[in-house]
Amino acid sequence: MVPTSSLLCLSTTTAHVIAALSEHYHLLPKAEPGGEDDDRAEWLDGEVMAARGKRVVRLYFEDPRNTPEDARELASALASAADVAEEPR
């Protein structure tokens, strides 16, 4: 069993990380969708998809090993997908 003080520390650390990322979220370059229609948009040849206005982002990822550049491209695609999923229809 994890001591309550450890959980509180983890929760506080997580909150700080989320706050720091949220503060700089706007610095992520937005990726243009590779395909889109009225209902959805996709990035990275369909690896990342968002249902427009449904608050749903899908990730189809075959190989989890990536270069740092690939990871940045994926992060950008996910951030863009999150924005599309939250926009009103």
PDB file of N, CA and C in Angstrom:
ATOM      1  N   MET A   1       0.838  -1.176   0.000  1.00  0.00           N
ATOM      2  CA  MET A   1       0.000   0.000   0.000  1.00  0.00           C
ATOM      3  C   MET A   1       0.892   1.252   0.000  1.00  0.00           C
ATOM      4  N   VAL A   2       0.524   2.225  -0.807  1.00  0.00           N
ATOM      5  CA  VAL A   2       1.306   3.456  -0.917  1.00  0.00           C
ATOM      6  C   VAL A   2       0.853   4.421   0.182  1.00  0.00           C
ATOM      7  N   PRO A   3       1.806   4.992   0.917  1.00  0.00           N
ATOM      8  CA  PRO A   3       1.428   5.947   1.952  1.00  0.00           C
ATOM      9  C   PRO A   3       0.690   7.155   1.366  1.00  0.00           C
ATOM     10  N   THR A   4      -0.245   7.681   2.124  1.00  0.00           N
ATOM     11  CA  THR A   4      -1.034   8.831   1.688  1.00  0.00           C
ATOM     12  C   THR A   4      -0.137  10.003   1.333  1.00  0.00           C
ATOM     13  N   SER A   5       0.928  10.218   2.104  1.00  0.00           N
ATOM     14  CA  SER A   5       1.832  11.340   1.822  1.00  0.00           C
ATOM     15  C   SER A   5       2.479  11.185   0.450  1.00  0.00           C
ATOM     16  N   SER A   6       2.778   9.939   0.034  1.00  0.00           N
ATOM     17  CA  SER A   6       3.356   9.710  -1.295  1.00  0.00           C
ATOM     18  C   SER A   6       2.351  10.018  -2.386  1.00  0.00           C
ATOM     19  N   LEU A   7       1.098   9.638  -2.160  1.00  0.00           N
ATOM     20  CA  LEU A   7       0.055   9.931  -3.143  1.00  0.00           C
ATOM     21  C   LEU A   7      -0.149  11.429  -3.284  1.00  0.00           C
ATOM     22  N   LEU A   8      -0.110  12.141  -2.161  1.00  0.00           N
ATOM     23  CA  LEU A   8      -0.275  13.588  -2.182  1.00  0.00           C
ATOM     24  C   LEU A   8       0.874  14.227  -2.954  1.00  0.00           C
ATOM     25  N   CYS A   9       2.086  13.736  -2.727  1.00  0.00           N
ATOM     26  CA  CYS A   9       3.260  14.263  -3.435  1.00  0.00           C
ATOM     27  C   CYS A   9       3.129  13.994  -4.926  1.00  0.00           C
ATOM     28  N   LEU A  10       2.715  12.776  -5.300  1.00  0.00           N
ATOM     29  CA  LEU A  10       2.542  12.438  -6.706  1.00  0.00           C
ATOM     30  C   LEU A  10       1.467  13.307  -7.329  1.00  0.00           C
ATOM     31  N   SER A  11       0.370  13.499  -6.611  1.00  0.00           N
ATOM     32  CA  SER A  11      -0.718  14.333  -7.109  1.00  0.00           C
ATOM     33  C   SER A  11      -0.260  15.769  -7.309  1.00  0.00           C
ATOM     34  N   THR A  12       0.510  16.290  -6.382  1.00  0.00           N
ATOM     35  CA  THR A  12       1.025  17.647  -6.482  1.00  0.00           C
ATOM     36  C   THR A  12       1.985  17.769  -7.661  1.00  0.00           C
ATOM     37  N   THR A  13       2.859  16.781  -7.813  1.00  0.00           N
ATOM     38  CA  THR A  13       3.801  16.784  -8.934  1.00  0.00           C
ATOM     39  C   THR A  13       3.051  16.721 -10.253  1.00  0.00           C
ATOM     40  N   THR A  14       2.058  15.847 -10.339  1.00  0.00           N
ATOM     41  CA  THR A  14       1.255  15.726 -11.557  1.00  0.00           C
ATOM     42  C   THR A  14       0.570  17.045 -11.867  1.00  0.00           C
ATOM     43  N   ALA A  15       0.029  17.685 -10.858  1.00  0.00           N
ATOM     44  CA  ALA A  15      -0.642  18.972 -11.049  1.00  0.00           C
ATOM     45  C   ALA A  15       0.331  20.015 -11.591  1.00  0.00           C
ATOM     46  N   HIS A  16       1.557  20.015 -11.089  1.00  0.00           N
ATOM     47  CA  HIS A  16       2.560  20.968 -11.572  1.00  0.00           C
ATOM     48  C   HIS A  16       2.928  20.693 -13.031  1.00  0.00           C
ATOM     49  N   VAL A  17       3.069  19.422 -13.378  1.00  0.00           N
ATOM     50  CA  VAL A  17       3.413  19.066 -14.755  1.00  0.00           C
ATOM     51  C   VAL A  17       2.277  19.483 -15.698  1.00  0.00           C
ATOM     52  N   ILE A  18       1.046  19.175 -15.314  1.00  0.00           N
ATOM     53  CA  ILE A  18      -0.100  19.551 -16.142  1.00  0.00           C
ATOM     54  C   ILE A  18      -0.184  21.067 -16.282  1.00  0.00           C
ATOM     55  N   ALA A  19       0.037  21.782 -15.209  1.00  0.00           N
ATOM     56  CA  ALA A  19       0.008  23.249 -15.258  1.00  0.00           C
ATOM     57  C   ALA A  19       1.092  23.782 -16.192  1.00  0.00           C
ATOM     58  N   ALA A  20       2.293  23.212 -16.107  1.00  0.00           N
ATOM     59  CA  ALA A  20       3.397  23.672 -16.961  1.00  0.00           C
ATOM     60  C   ALA A  20       3.096  23.381 -18.431  1.00  0.00           C
ATOM     61  N   LEU A  21       2.582  22.199 -18.716  1.00  0.00           N
ATOM     62  CA  LEU A  21       2.248  21.864 -20.100  1.00  0.00           C
ATOM     63  C   LEU A  21       1.118  22.738 -20.622  1.00  0.00           C
ATOM     64  N   SER A  22       0.115  22.955 -19.793  1.00  0.00           N
ATOM     65  CA  SER A  22      -1.014  23.783 -20.203  1.00  0.00           C
ATOM     66  C   SER A  22      -0.568  25.209 -20.500  1.00  0.00           C
ATOM     67  N   GLU A  23       0.370  25.683 -19.729  1.00  0.00           N
ATOM     68  CA  GLU A  23       0.885  27.033 -19.902  1.00  0.00           C
ATOM     69  C   GLU A  23       1.557  27.204 -21.266  1.00  0.00           C
ATOM     70  N   HIS A  24       2.183  26.139 -21.754  1.00  0.00           N
ATOM     71  CA  HIS A  24       2.941  26.213 -23.000  1.00  0.00           C
ATOM     72  C   HIS A  24       2.273  25.464 -24.147  1.00  0.00           C
ATOM     73  N   TYR A  25       1.048  25.032 -23.956  1.00  0.00           N
ATOM     74  CA  TYR A  25       0.313  24.278 -24.975  1.00  0.00           C
ATOM     75  C   TYR A  25       0.271  25.037 -26.299  1.00  0.00           C
ATOM     76  N   HIS A  26       0.102  26.329 -26.223  1.00  0.00           N
ATOM     77  CA  HIS A  26       0.012  27.141 -27.437  1.00  0.00           C
ATOM     78  C   HIS A  26       1.318  27.161 -28.236  1.00  0.00           C
ATOM     79  N   LEU A  27       2.421  26.732 -27.643  1.00  0.00           N
ATOM     80  CA  LEU A  27       3.703  26.716 -28.338  1.00  0.00           C
ATOM     81  C   LEU A  27       3.858  25.513 -29.263  1.00  0.00           C
ATOM     82  N   LEU A  28       3.017  24.475 -29.067  1.00  0.00           N
ATOM     83  CA  LEU A  28       3.085  23.324 -29.960  1.00  0.00           C
ATOM     84  C   LEU A  28       2.659  23.741 -31.358  1.00  0.00           C
ATOM     85  N   PRO A  29       3.417  23.379 -32.358  1.00  0.00           N
ATOM     86  CA  PRO A  29       2.975  23.703 -33.719  1.00  0.00           C
ATOM     87  C   PRO A  29       1.740  22.883 -34.046  1.00  0.00           C
ATOM     88  N   LYS A  30       0.770  23.490 -34.666  1.00  0.00           N
ATOM     89  CA  LYS A  30      -0.453  22.784 -35.028  1.00  0.00           C
ATOM     90  C   LYS A  30      -0.238  22.075 -36.351  1.00  0.00           C
ATOM     91  N   ALA A  31      -0.593  20.823 -36.405  1.00  0.00           N
ATOM     92  CA  ALA A  31      -0.454  20.028 -37.625  1.00  0.00           C
ATOM     93  C   ALA A  31      -1.728  20.161 -38.445  1.00  0.00           C
ATOM     94  N   GLU A  32      -1.558  20.341 -39.730  1.00  0.00           N
ATOM     95  CA  GLU A  32      -2.710  20.384 -40.630  1.00  0.00           C
ATOM     96  C   GLU A  32      -3.187  18.953 -40.871  1.00  0.00           C
ATOM     97  N   PRO A  33      -4.488  18.743 -40.862  1.00  0.00           N
ATOM     98  CA  PRO A  33      -4.978  17.389 -41.125  1.00  0.00           C
ATOM     99  C   PRO A  33      -4.626  16.945 -42.543  1.00  0.00           C
ATOM    100  N   GLY A  34      -4.337  15.670 -42.678  1.00  0.00           N
ATOM    101  CA  GLY A  34      -4.047  15.116 -43.989  1.00  0.00           C
ATOM    102  C   GLY A  34      -5.317  14.787 -44.752  1.00  0.00           C
ATOM    103  N   GLY A  35      -6.401  14.655 -44.042  1.00  0.00           N
ATOM    104  CA  GLY A  35      -7.700  14.391 -44.640  1.00  0.00           C
ATOM    105  C   GLY A  35      -8.776  14.817 -43.670  1.00  0.00           C
ATOM    106  N   GLU A  36      -9.873  15.332 -44.197  1.00  0.00           N
ATOM    107  CA  GLU A  36     -10.964  15.719 -43.308  1.00  0.00           C
ATOM    108  C   GLU A  36     -12.255  15.849 -44.093  1.00  0.00           C
ATOM    109  N   ASP A  37     -13.355  15.733 -43.361  1.00  0.00           N
ATOM    110  CA  ASP A  37     -14.674  15.995 -43.917  1.00  0.00           C
ATOM    111  C   ASP A  37     -15.503  16.651 -42.817  1.00  0.00           C
ATOM    112  N   ASP A  38     -16.802  16.698 -42.955  1.00  0.00           N
ATOM    113  CA  ASP A  38     -17.640  17.373 -41.968  1.00  0.00           C
ATOM    114  C   ASP A  38     -17.632  16.683 -40.610  1.00  0.00           C
ATOM    115  N   ASP A  39     -17.362  15.380 -40.578  1.00  0.00           N
ATOM    116  CA  ASP A  39     -17.460  14.612 -39.341  1.00  0.00           C
ATOM    117  C   ASP A  39     -16.139  14.320 -38.646  1.00  0.00           C
ATOM    118  N   ARG A  40     -15.051  14.307 -39.398  1.00  0.00           N
ATOM    119  CA  ARG A  40     -13.783  13.903 -38.786  1.00  0.00           C
ATOM    120  C   ARG A  40     -12.596  14.520 -39.511  1.00  0.00           C
ATOM    121  N   ALA A  41     -11.448  14.424 -38.856  1.00  0.00           N
ATOM    122  CA  ALA A  41     -10.179  14.850 -39.443  1.00  0.00           C
ATOM    123  C   ALA A  41      -9.141  13.802 -39.070  1.00  0.00           C
ATOM    124  N   GLU A  42      -8.102  13.669 -39.890  1.00  0.00           N
ATOM    125  CA  GLU A  42      -7.057  12.698 -39.585  1.00  0.00           C
ATOM    126  C   GLU A  42      -5.679  13.275 -39.878  1.00  0.00           C
ATOM    127  N   TRP A  43      -4.704  12.747 -39.160  1.00  0.00           N
ATOM    128  CA  TRP A  43      -3.310  13.146 -39.292  1.00  0.00           C
ATOM    129  C   TRP A  43      -2.462  11.893 -39.396  1.00  0.00           C
ATOM    130  N   LEU A  44      -1.259  12.044 -39.915  1.00  0.00           N
ATOM    131  CA  LEU A  44      -0.267  10.963 -39.990  1.00  0.00           C
ATOM    132  C   LEU A  44      -0.843   9.717 -40.658  1.00  0.00           C
ATOM    133  N   ASP A  45      -1.456   9.900 -41.824  1.00  0.00           N
ATOM    134  CA  ASP A  45      -2.022   8.785 -42.595  1.00  0.00           C
ATOM    135  C   ASP A  45      -3.012   7.948 -41.784  1.00  0.00           C
ATOM    136  N   GLY A  46      -3.820   8.605 -40.986  1.00  0.00           N
ATOM    137  CA  GLY A  46      -4.865   7.911 -40.232  1.00  0.00           C
ATOM    138  C   GLY A  46      -4.434   7.368 -38.884  1.00  0.00           C
ATOM    139  N   GLU A  47      -3.180   7.591 -38.477  1.00  0.00           N
ATOM    140  CA  GLU A  47      -2.752   7.124 -37.154  1.00  0.00           C
ATOM    141  C   GLU A  47      -3.460   7.897 -36.042  1.00  0.00           C
ATOM    142  N   VAL A  48      -3.791   9.157 -36.315  1.00  0.00           N
ATOM    143  CA  VAL A  48      -4.510   9.996 -35.351  1.00  0.00           C
ATOM    144  C   VAL A  48      -5.772  10.491 -36.045  1.00  0.00           C
ATOM    145  N   MET A  49      -6.918  10.286 -35.390  1.00  0.00           N
ATOM    146  CA  MET A  49      -8.196  10.737 -35.945  1.00  0.00           C
ATOM    147  C   MET A  49      -9.004  11.432 -34.856  1.00  0.00           C
ATOM    148  N   ALA A  50      -9.808  12.413 -35.268  1.00  0.00           N
ATOM    149  CA  ALA A  50     -10.678  13.115 -34.329  1.00  0.00           C
ATOM    150  C   ALA A  50     -12.068  13.207 -34.922  1.00  0.00           C
ATOM    151  N   ALA A  51     -13.064  12.895 -34.098  1.00  0.00           N
ATOM    152  CA  ALA A  51     -14.456  13.084 -34.489  1.00  0.00           C
ATOM    153  C   ALA A  51     -14.814  14.519 -34.151  1.00  0.00           C
ATOM    154  N   ARG A  52     -15.118  15.305 -35.153  1.00  0.00           N
ATOM    155  CA  ARG A  52     -15.357  16.734 -34.986  1.00  0.00           C
ATOM    156  C   ARG A  52     -16.500  16.993 -34.000  1.00  0.00           C
ATOM    157  N   GLY A  53     -16.179  17.713 -32.922  1.00  0.00           N
ATOM    158  CA  GLY A  53     -17.165  18.107 -31.926  1.00  0.00           C
ATOM    159  C   GLY A  53     -17.641  16.994 -31.011  1.00  0.00           C
ATOM    160  N   LYS A  54     -17.103  15.787 -31.118  1.00  0.00           N
ATOM    161  CA  LYS A  54     -17.556  14.644 -30.310  1.00  0.00           C
ATOM    162  C   LYS A  54     -16.683  14.408 -29.079  1.00  0.00           C
ATOM    163  N   ARG A  55     -15.604  15.188 -28.944  1.00  0.00           N
ATOM    164  CA  ARG A  55     -14.678  15.041 -27.825  1.00  0.00           C
ATOM    165  C   ARG A  55     -14.033  13.648 -27.810  1.00  0.00           C
ATOM    166  N   VAL A  56     -13.732  13.140 -29.024  1.00  0.00           N
ATOM    167  CA  VAL A  56     -13.118  11.822 -29.162  1.00  0.00           C
ATOM    168  C   VAL A  56     -11.907  11.934 -30.075  1.00  0.00           C
ATOM    169  N   VAL A  57     -10.780  11.422 -29.607  1.00  0.00           N
ATOM    170  CA  VAL A  57      -9.567  11.332 -30.411  1.00  0.00           C
ATOM    171  C   VAL A  57      -9.158   9.864 -30.427  1.00  0.00           C
ATOM    172  N   ARG A  58      -8.910   9.329 -31.614  1.00  0.00           N
ATOM    173  CA  ARG A  58      -8.491   7.933 -31.738  1.00  0.00           C
ATOM    174  C   ARG A  58      -7.049   7.889 -32.209  1.00  0.00           C
ATOM    175  N   LEU A  59      -6.313   6.945 -31.647  1.00  0.00           N
ATOM    176  CA  LEU A  59      -4.909   6.774 -31.975  1.00  0.00           C
ATOM    177  C   LEU A  59      -4.691   5.326 -32.401  1.00  0.00           C
ATOM    178  N   TYR A  60      -4.256   5.130 -33.636  1.00  0.00           N
ATOM    179  CA  TYR A  60      -3.921   3.807 -34.158  1.00  0.00           C
ATOM    180  C   TYR A  60      -2.420   3.786 -34.353  1.00  0.00           C
ATOM    181  N   PHE A  61      -1.749   3.078 -33.480  1.00  0.00           N
ATOM    182  CA  PHE A  61      -0.300   3.146 -33.446  1.00  0.00           C
ATOM    183  C   PHE A  61       0.269   1.737 -33.493  1.00  0.00           C
ATOM    184  N   GLU A  62       0.974   1.395 -34.556  1.00  0.00           N
ATOM    185  CA  GLU A  62       1.485   0.039 -34.715  1.00  0.00           C
ATOM    186  C   GLU A  62       2.814  -0.192 -34.009  1.00  0.00           C
ATOM    187  N   ASP A  63       3.740   0.739 -34.130  1.00  0.00           N
ATOM    188  CA  ASP A  63       5.065   0.556 -33.553  1.00  0.00           C
ATOM    189  C   ASP A  63       5.356   1.697 -32.584  1.00  0.00           C
ATOM    190  N   PRO A  64       5.436   1.402 -31.291  1.00  0.00           N
ATOM    191  CA  PRO A  64       5.638   2.470 -30.313  1.00  0.00           C
ATOM    192  C   PRO A  64       7.050   3.050 -30.272  1.00  0.00           C
ATOM    193  N   ARG A  65       7.984   2.498 -31.066  1.00  0.00           N
ATOM    194  CA  ARG A  65       9.354   3.017 -31.076  1.00  0.00           C
ATOM    195  C   ARG A  65       9.455   4.126 -32.117  1.00  0.00           C
ATOM    196  N   ASN A  66       9.860   5.303 -31.674  1.00  0.00           N
ATOM    197  CA  ASN A  66       9.932   6.450 -32.568  1.00  0.00           C
ATOM    198  C   ASN A  66      11.197   7.253 -32.319  1.00  0.00           C
ATOM    199  N   THR A  67      11.591   7.990 -33.342  1.00  0.00           N
ATOM    200  CA  THR A  67      12.683   8.948 -33.173  1.00  0.00           C
ATOM    201  C   THR A  67      12.121  10.158 -32.423  1.00  0.00           C
ATOM    202  N   PRO A  68      12.972  11.006 -31.879  1.00  0.00           N
ATOM    203  CA  PRO A  68      12.478  12.219 -31.233  1.00  0.00           C
ATOM    204  C   PRO A  68      11.641  13.079 -32.188  1.00  0.00           C
ATOM    205  N   GLU A  69      12.040  13.128 -33.451  1.00  0.00           N
ATOM    206  CA  GLU A  69      11.281  13.922 -34.433  1.00  0.00           C
ATOM    207  C   GLU A  69       9.886  13.336 -34.633  1.00  0.00           C
ATOM    208  N   ASP A  70       9.804  11.999 -34.712  1.00  0.00           N
ATOM    209  CA  ASP A  70       8.504  11.332 -34.846  1.00  0.00           C
ATOM    210  C   ASP A  70       7.624  11.630 -33.635  1.00  0.00           C
ATOM    211  N   ALA A  71       8.218  11.610 -32.468  1.00  0.00           N
ATOM    212  CA  ALA A  71       7.459  11.876 -31.238  1.00  0.00           C
ATOM    213  C   ALA A  71       6.908  13.301 -31.241  1.00  0.00           C
ATOM    214  N   ARG A  72       7.700  14.260 -31.708  1.00  0.00           N
ATOM    215  CA  ARG A  72       7.226  15.651 -31.781  1.00  0.00           C
ATOM    216  C   ARG A  72       6.093  15.787 -32.805  1.00  0.00           C
ATOM    217  N   GLU A  73       6.227  15.089 -33.930  1.00  0.00           N
ATOM    218  CA  GLU A  73       5.180  15.123 -34.946  1.00  0.00           C
ATOM    219  C   GLU A  73       3.880  14.513 -34.398  1.00  0.00           C
ATOM    220  N   LEU A  74       4.009  13.416 -33.651  1.00  0.00           N
ATOM    221  CA  LEU A  74       2.843  12.791 -33.031  1.00  0.00           C
ATOM    222  C   LEU A  74       2.214  13.718 -31.997  1.00  0.00           C
ATOM    223  N   ALA A  75       3.032  14.376 -31.191  1.00  0.00           N
ATOM    224  CA  ALA A  75       2.515  15.308 -30.181  1.00  0.00           C
ATOM    225  C   ALA A  75       1.736  16.440 -30.845  1.00  0.00           C
ATOM    226  N   SER A  76       2.254  16.953 -31.925  1.00  0.00           N
ATOM    227  CA  SER A  76       1.582  18.021 -32.657  1.00  0.00           C
ATOM    228  C   SER A  76       0.253  17.532 -33.226  1.00  0.00           C
ATOM    229  N   ALA A  77       0.260  16.328 -33.802  1.00  0.00           N
ATOM    230  CA  ALA A  77      -0.966  15.763 -34.359  1.00  0.00           C
ATOM    231  C   ALA A  77      -2.005  15.527 -33.268  1.00  0.00           C
ATOM    232  N   LEU A  78      -1.582  15.023 -32.121  1.00  0.00           N
ATOM    233  CA  LEU A  78      -2.527  14.783 -31.017  1.00  0.00           C
ATOM    234  C   LEU A  78      -3.108  16.089 -30.485  1.00  0.00           C
ATOM    235  N   ALA A  79      -2.272  17.111 -30.351  1.00  0.00           N
ATOM    236  CA  ALA A  79      -2.765  18.408 -29.881  1.00  0.00           C
ATOM    237  C   ALA A  79      -3.774  18.987 -30.871  1.00  0.00           C
ATOM    238  N   SER A  80      -3.489  18.860 -32.153  1.00  0.00           N
ATOM    239  CA  SER A  80      -4.411  19.364 -33.174  1.00  0.00           C
ATOM    240  C   SER A  80      -5.714  18.563 -33.170  1.00  0.00           C
ATOM    241  N   ALA A  81      -5.605  17.254 -33.010  1.00  0.00           N
ATOM    242  CA  ALA A  81      -6.793  16.397 -32.948  1.00  0.00           C
ATOM    243  C   ALA A  81      -7.655  16.758 -31.744  1.00  0.00           C
ATOM    244  N   ALA A  82      -7.027  17.054 -30.627  1.00  0.00           N
ATOM    245  CA  ALA A  82      -7.778  17.443 -29.431  1.00  0.00           C
ATOM    246  C   ALA A  82      -8.558  18.725 -29.686  1.00  0.00           C
ATOM    247  N   ASP A  83      -7.940  19.668 -30.377  1.00  0.00           N
ATOM    248  CA  ASP A  83      -8.636  20.918 -30.704  1.00  0.00           C
ATOM    249  C   ASP A  83      -9.846  20.662 -31.597  1.00  0.00           C
ATOM    250  N   VAL A  84      -9.675  19.819 -32.619  1.00  0.00           N
ATOM    251  CA  VAL A  84     -10.787  19.515 -33.542  1.00  0.00           C
ATOM    252  C   VAL A  84     -11.904  18.792 -32.789  1.00  0.00           C
ATOM    253  N   ALA A  85     -11.537  17.866 -31.915  1.00  0.00           N
ATOM    254  CA  ALA A  85     -12.555  17.116 -31.174  1.00  0.00           C
ATOM    255  C   ALA A  85     -13.368  18.021 -30.255  1.00  0.00           C
ATOM    256  N   GLU A  86     -12.785  19.129 -29.817  1.00  0.00           N
ATOM    257  CA  GLU A  86     -13.484  20.037 -28.910  1.00  0.00           C
ATOM    258  C   GLU A  86     -14.248  21.151 -29.627  1.00  0.00           C
ATOM    259  N   GLU A  87     -13.972  21.371 -30.907  1.00  0.00           N
ATOM    260  CA  GLU A  87     -14.662  22.479 -31.577  1.00  0.00           C
ATOM    261  C   GLU A  87     -16.137  22.125 -31.802  1.00  0.00           C
ATOM    262  N   PRO A  88     -17.004  23.109 -31.711  1.00  0.00           N
ATOM    263  CA  PRO A  88     -18.422  22.840 -31.918  1.00  0.00           C
ATOM    264  C   PRO A  88     -18.694  22.438 -33.368  1.00  0.00           C
ATOM    265  N   ARG A  89     -19.662  21.589 -33.542  1.00  0.00           N
ATOM    266  CA  ARG A  89     -20.029  21.119 -34.892  1.00  0.00           C
ATOM    267  C   ARG A  89     -20.858  22.132 -35.606  1.00  0.00           C
TER     268      ARG A  89
END
